[in-house]
Amino acid sequence: SVGGGRSASPPQAGGGGIIDGKQFFREARKQLSYEAFNDFLTSIKKLNNQQQSRDETLDEARRIFGPELDGLYRDFEQLLNRHAV
């Protein structure tokens, strides 16, 4: 069998497993308000355009997610670390 019979279900957001980018954004969109999600996307665009640093982007994400969405913040930090040069 393909995959050795292991479950193909993705890890849950905030669960400490490796999270995929598309899955992360779906989860963030679901949990953040419309305005907060747009602020988050703006922050990522600034990072991609070298208008702000990785640390500034993480600070902004921490502010947007707040303590109640700390798991989502940690998933984002993991994604950034995985794509860091």
N, C-alpha and C. Protein backbone atom coordinates (compact mmCIF):
# COMPACT_ATOMS: atom_id res chain seq x y z
N SER A 1 0.84 -1.20 0.00
CA SER A 1 0.00 0.00 0.00
C SER A 1 0.87 1.24 0.00
N VAL A 2 0.37 2.30 -0.59
CA VAL A 2 1.11 3.56 -0.67
C VAL A 2 1.20 4.17 0.72
N GLY A 3 2.39 4.64 1.10
CA GLY A 3 2.57 5.28 2.40
C GLY A 3 2.74 4.29 3.53
N GLY A 4 2.87 3.01 3.23
CA GLY A 4 3.10 2.02 4.26
C GLY A 4 1.92 1.82 5.19
N GLY A 5 0.72 2.22 4.76
CA GLY A 5 -0.45 2.02 5.57
C GLY A 5 -0.63 3.05 6.67
N ARG A 6 0.22 4.04 6.72
CA ARG A 6 0.12 5.07 7.76
C ARG A 6 -0.98 6.06 7.40
N SER A 7 -1.56 6.64 8.42
CA SER A 7 -2.61 7.63 8.22
C SER A 7 -2.06 8.85 7.51
N ALA A 8 -2.82 9.36 6.56
CA ALA A 8 -2.38 10.53 5.80
C ALA A 8 -2.97 11.82 6.35
N SER A 9 -3.59 11.77 7.55
CA SER A 9 -4.21 12.98 8.07
C SER A 9 -3.14 13.98 8.50
N PRO A 10 -3.34 15.25 8.16
CA PRO A 10 -2.34 16.27 8.50
C PRO A 10 -2.36 16.58 9.99
N PRO A 11 -1.24 17.08 10.53
CA PRO A 11 -1.22 17.44 11.95
C PRO A 11 -2.15 18.63 12.21
N GLN A 12 -2.66 18.72 13.40
CA GLN A 12 -3.56 19.82 13.76
C GLN A 12 -2.76 21.09 14.03
N ALA A 13 -3.34 22.23 13.71
CA ALA A 13 -2.70 23.52 14.00
C ALA A 13 -2.51 23.64 15.49
N GLY A 14 -1.35 24.13 15.89
CA GLY A 14 -1.07 24.31 17.30
C GLY A 14 -0.69 23.01 18.00
N GLY A 15 -0.62 21.93 17.25
CA GLY A 15 -0.33 20.64 17.84
C GLY A 15 1.14 20.33 17.95
N GLY A 16 2.00 21.22 17.50
CA GLY A 16 3.43 21.01 17.61
C GLY A 16 4.02 20.16 16.49
N GLY A 17 3.17 19.63 15.59
CA GLY A 17 3.67 18.85 14.47
C GLY A 17 4.10 19.78 13.34
N ILE A 18 4.64 19.21 12.30
CA ILE A 18 5.02 20.02 11.14
C ILE A 18 3.74 20.41 10.40
N ILE A 19 3.58 21.68 10.19
CA ILE A 19 2.38 22.18 9.53
C ILE A 19 2.73 22.68 8.14
N ASP A 20 1.81 22.49 7.24
CA ASP A 20 2.02 22.90 5.86
C ASP A 20 1.46 24.31 5.68
N GLY A 21 2.06 25.08 4.78
CA GLY A 21 1.69 26.49 4.60
C GLY A 21 0.22 26.71 4.29
N LYS A 22 -0.32 25.94 3.35
CA LYS A 22 -1.73 26.11 2.96
C LYS A 22 -2.63 25.82 4.14
N GLN A 23 -2.32 24.76 4.87
CA GLN A 23 -3.11 24.38 6.04
C GLN A 23 -3.05 25.49 7.10
N PHE A 24 -1.86 26.05 7.30
CA PHE A 24 -1.71 27.13 8.28
C PHE A 24 -2.60 28.31 7.91
N PHE A 25 -2.57 28.73 6.64
CA PHE A 25 -3.36 29.90 6.23
C PHE A 25 -4.86 29.63 6.34
N ARG A 26 -5.29 28.40 6.05
CA ARG A 26 -6.71 28.05 6.24
C ARG A 26 -7.09 28.21 7.70
N GLU A 27 -6.24 27.70 8.59
CA GLU A 27 -6.51 27.76 10.03
C GLU A 27 -6.50 29.20 10.52
N ALA A 28 -5.52 29.99 10.05
CA ALA A 28 -5.44 31.40 10.46
C ALA A 28 -6.68 32.15 10.00
N ARG A 29 -7.12 31.91 8.77
CA ARG A 29 -8.31 32.59 8.24
C ARG A 29 -9.54 32.23 9.06
N LYS A 30 -9.60 30.98 9.51
CA LYS A 30 -10.74 30.52 10.29
C LYS A 30 -10.77 31.16 11.69
N GLN A 31 -9.60 31.35 12.29
CA GLN A 31 -9.53 31.78 13.68
C GLN A 31 -9.39 33.29 13.87
N LEU A 32 -8.87 33.99 12.87
CA LEU A 32 -8.69 35.45 12.99
C LEU A 32 -9.91 36.18 12.42
N SER A 33 -10.13 37.39 12.91
CA SER A 33 -11.15 38.23 12.30
C SER A 33 -10.68 38.61 10.90
N TYR A 34 -11.61 39.09 10.09
CA TYR A 34 -11.28 39.52 8.73
C TYR A 34 -10.17 40.57 8.76
N GLU A 35 -10.32 41.56 9.64
CA GLU A 35 -9.33 42.64 9.73
C GLU A 35 -7.98 42.13 10.21
N ALA A 36 -7.98 41.27 11.23
CA ALA A 36 -6.71 40.73 11.74
C ALA A 36 -6.00 39.89 10.68
N PHE A 37 -6.77 39.10 9.93
CA PHE A 37 -6.16 38.27 8.89
C PHE A 37 -5.54 39.15 7.81
N ASN A 38 -6.22 40.22 7.43
CA ASN A 38 -5.66 41.14 6.43
C ASN A 38 -4.40 41.84 6.95
N ASP A 39 -4.39 42.21 8.24
CA ASP A 39 -3.18 42.79 8.83
C ASP A 39 -2.02 41.79 8.76
N PHE A 40 -2.34 40.53 9.04
CA PHE A 40 -1.33 39.48 8.99
C PHE A 40 -0.77 39.32 7.57
N LEU A 41 -1.66 39.29 6.58
CA LEU A 41 -1.21 39.18 5.18
C LEU A 41 -0.35 40.37 4.77
N THR A 42 -0.74 41.56 5.22
CA THR A 42 0.05 42.77 4.92
C THR A 42 1.45 42.65 5.50
N SER A 43 1.55 42.13 6.72
CA SER A 43 2.85 41.94 7.36
C SER A 43 3.72 40.96 6.57
N ILE A 44 3.11 39.89 6.08
CA ILE A 44 3.87 38.90 5.29
C ILE A 44 4.32 39.51 3.97
N LYS A 45 3.46 40.32 3.35
CA LYS A 45 3.85 40.99 2.10
C LYS A 45 5.05 41.90 2.33
N LYS A 46 5.05 42.62 3.45
CA LYS A 46 6.19 43.50 3.77
C LYS A 46 7.47 42.68 3.93
N LEU A 47 7.36 41.53 4.58
CA LEU A 47 8.53 40.66 4.73
C LEU A 47 9.02 40.20 3.36
N ASN A 48 8.10 39.76 2.52
CA ASN A 48 8.47 39.27 1.18
C ASN A 48 9.09 40.36 0.32
N ASN A 49 8.69 41.61 0.55
CA ASN A 49 9.23 42.74 -0.22
C ASN A 49 10.42 43.40 0.47
N GLN A 50 10.96 42.74 1.48
CA GLN A 50 12.09 43.26 2.26
C GLN A 50 11.81 44.64 2.87
N GLN A 51 10.55 44.90 3.19
CA GLN A 51 10.18 46.16 3.83
C GLN A 51 10.20 46.03 5.35
N GLN A 52 10.27 44.80 5.85
CA GLN A 52 10.44 44.59 7.29
C GLN A 52 11.19 43.29 7.50
N SER A 53 11.83 43.18 8.67
CA SER A 53 12.65 42.00 8.97
C SER A 53 11.79 40.83 9.43
N ARG A 54 12.43 39.68 9.50
CA ARG A 54 11.77 38.48 9.99
C ARG A 54 11.32 38.70 11.43
N ASP A 55 12.19 39.31 12.26
CA ASP A 55 11.83 39.56 13.66
C ASP A 55 10.66 40.51 13.78
N GLU A 56 10.63 41.55 12.94
CA GLU A 56 9.50 42.48 12.95
C GLU A 56 8.21 41.76 12.55
N THR A 57 8.32 40.84 11.60
CA THR A 57 7.16 40.08 11.15
C THR A 57 6.65 39.18 12.28
N LEU A 58 7.57 38.55 13.00
CA LEU A 58 7.18 37.70 14.14
C LEU A 58 6.53 38.54 15.24
N ASP A 59 7.09 39.72 15.51
CA ASP A 59 6.50 40.61 16.53
C ASP A 59 5.08 41.00 16.13
N GLU A 60 4.91 41.32 14.87
CA GLU A 60 3.59 41.71 14.36
C GLU A 60 2.62 40.52 14.46
N ALA A 61 3.08 39.33 14.11
CA ALA A 61 2.24 38.14 14.20
C ALA A 61 1.84 37.87 15.65
N ARG A 62 2.78 38.04 16.57
CA ARG A 62 2.47 37.83 17.99
C ARG A 62 1.40 38.81 18.46
N ARG A 63 1.49 40.05 18.00
CA ARG A 63 0.50 41.07 18.36
C ARG A 63 -0.87 40.70 17.78
N ILE A 64 -0.88 40.27 16.51
CA ILE A 64 -2.14 39.94 15.84
C ILE A 64 -2.79 38.70 16.46
N PHE A 65 -2.00 37.66 16.71
CA PHE A 65 -2.56 36.41 17.23
C PHE A 65 -2.93 36.52 18.70
N GLY A 66 -2.14 37.30 19.45
CA GLY A 66 -2.42 37.44 20.88
C GLY A 66 -2.18 36.13 21.63
N PRO A 67 -2.31 36.17 22.95
CA PRO A 67 -2.03 34.97 23.76
C PRO A 67 -3.01 33.82 23.50
N GLU A 68 -4.23 34.16 23.09
CA GLU A 68 -5.24 33.10 22.87
C GLU A 68 -4.95 32.25 21.64
N LEU A 69 -4.16 32.76 20.71
CA LEU A 69 -3.81 31.98 19.51
C LEU A 69 -2.31 31.71 19.46
N ASP A 70 -1.73 31.42 20.62
CA ASP A 70 -0.29 31.17 20.71
C ASP A 70 0.13 29.98 19.86
N GLY A 71 -0.72 28.95 19.78
CA GLY A 71 -0.39 27.78 18.97
C GLY A 71 -0.25 28.14 17.50
N LEU A 72 -1.11 29.03 17.04
CA LEU A 72 -1.05 29.50 15.65
C LEU A 72 0.25 30.30 15.43
N TYR A 73 0.60 31.11 16.42
CA TYR A 73 1.85 31.88 16.34
C TYR A 73 3.04 30.92 16.23
N ARG A 74 3.05 29.89 17.06
CA ARG A 74 4.18 28.94 17.03
C ARG A 74 4.25 28.20 15.69
N ASP A 75 3.09 27.90 15.11
CA ASP A 75 3.08 27.27 13.78
C ASP A 75 3.68 28.22 12.74
N PHE A 76 3.32 29.50 12.84
CA PHE A 76 3.86 30.50 11.91
C PHE A 76 5.37 30.62 12.07
N GLU A 77 5.83 30.65 13.31
CA GLU A 77 7.26 30.73 13.59
C GLU A 77 7.98 29.53 12.98
N GLN A 78 7.38 28.35 13.10
CA GLN A 78 7.96 27.13 12.50
C GLN A 78 8.05 27.25 10.99
N LEU A 79 7.00 27.78 10.38
CA LEU A 79 7.01 27.96 8.92
C LEU A 79 8.10 28.92 8.51
N LEU A 80 8.24 30.02 9.24
CA LEU A 80 9.28 31.01 8.90
C LEU A 80 10.66 30.39 9.07
N ASN A 81 10.86 29.64 10.15
CA ASN A 81 12.16 29.01 10.39
C ASN A 81 12.51 28.02 9.29
N ARG A 82 11.49 27.31 8.80
CA ARG A 82 11.72 26.33 7.75
C ARG A 82 12.13 27.01 6.44
N HIS A 83 11.64 28.25 6.22
CA HIS A 83 11.92 28.95 4.96
C HIS A 83 13.02 29.99 5.11
N ALA A 84 13.62 30.07 6.30
CA ALA A 84 14.70 31.05 6.52
C ALA A 84 15.92 30.68 5.70
N VAL A 85 16.62 31.69 5.22
CA VAL A 85 17.81 31.46 4.40
C VAL A 85 19.05 31.49 5.29
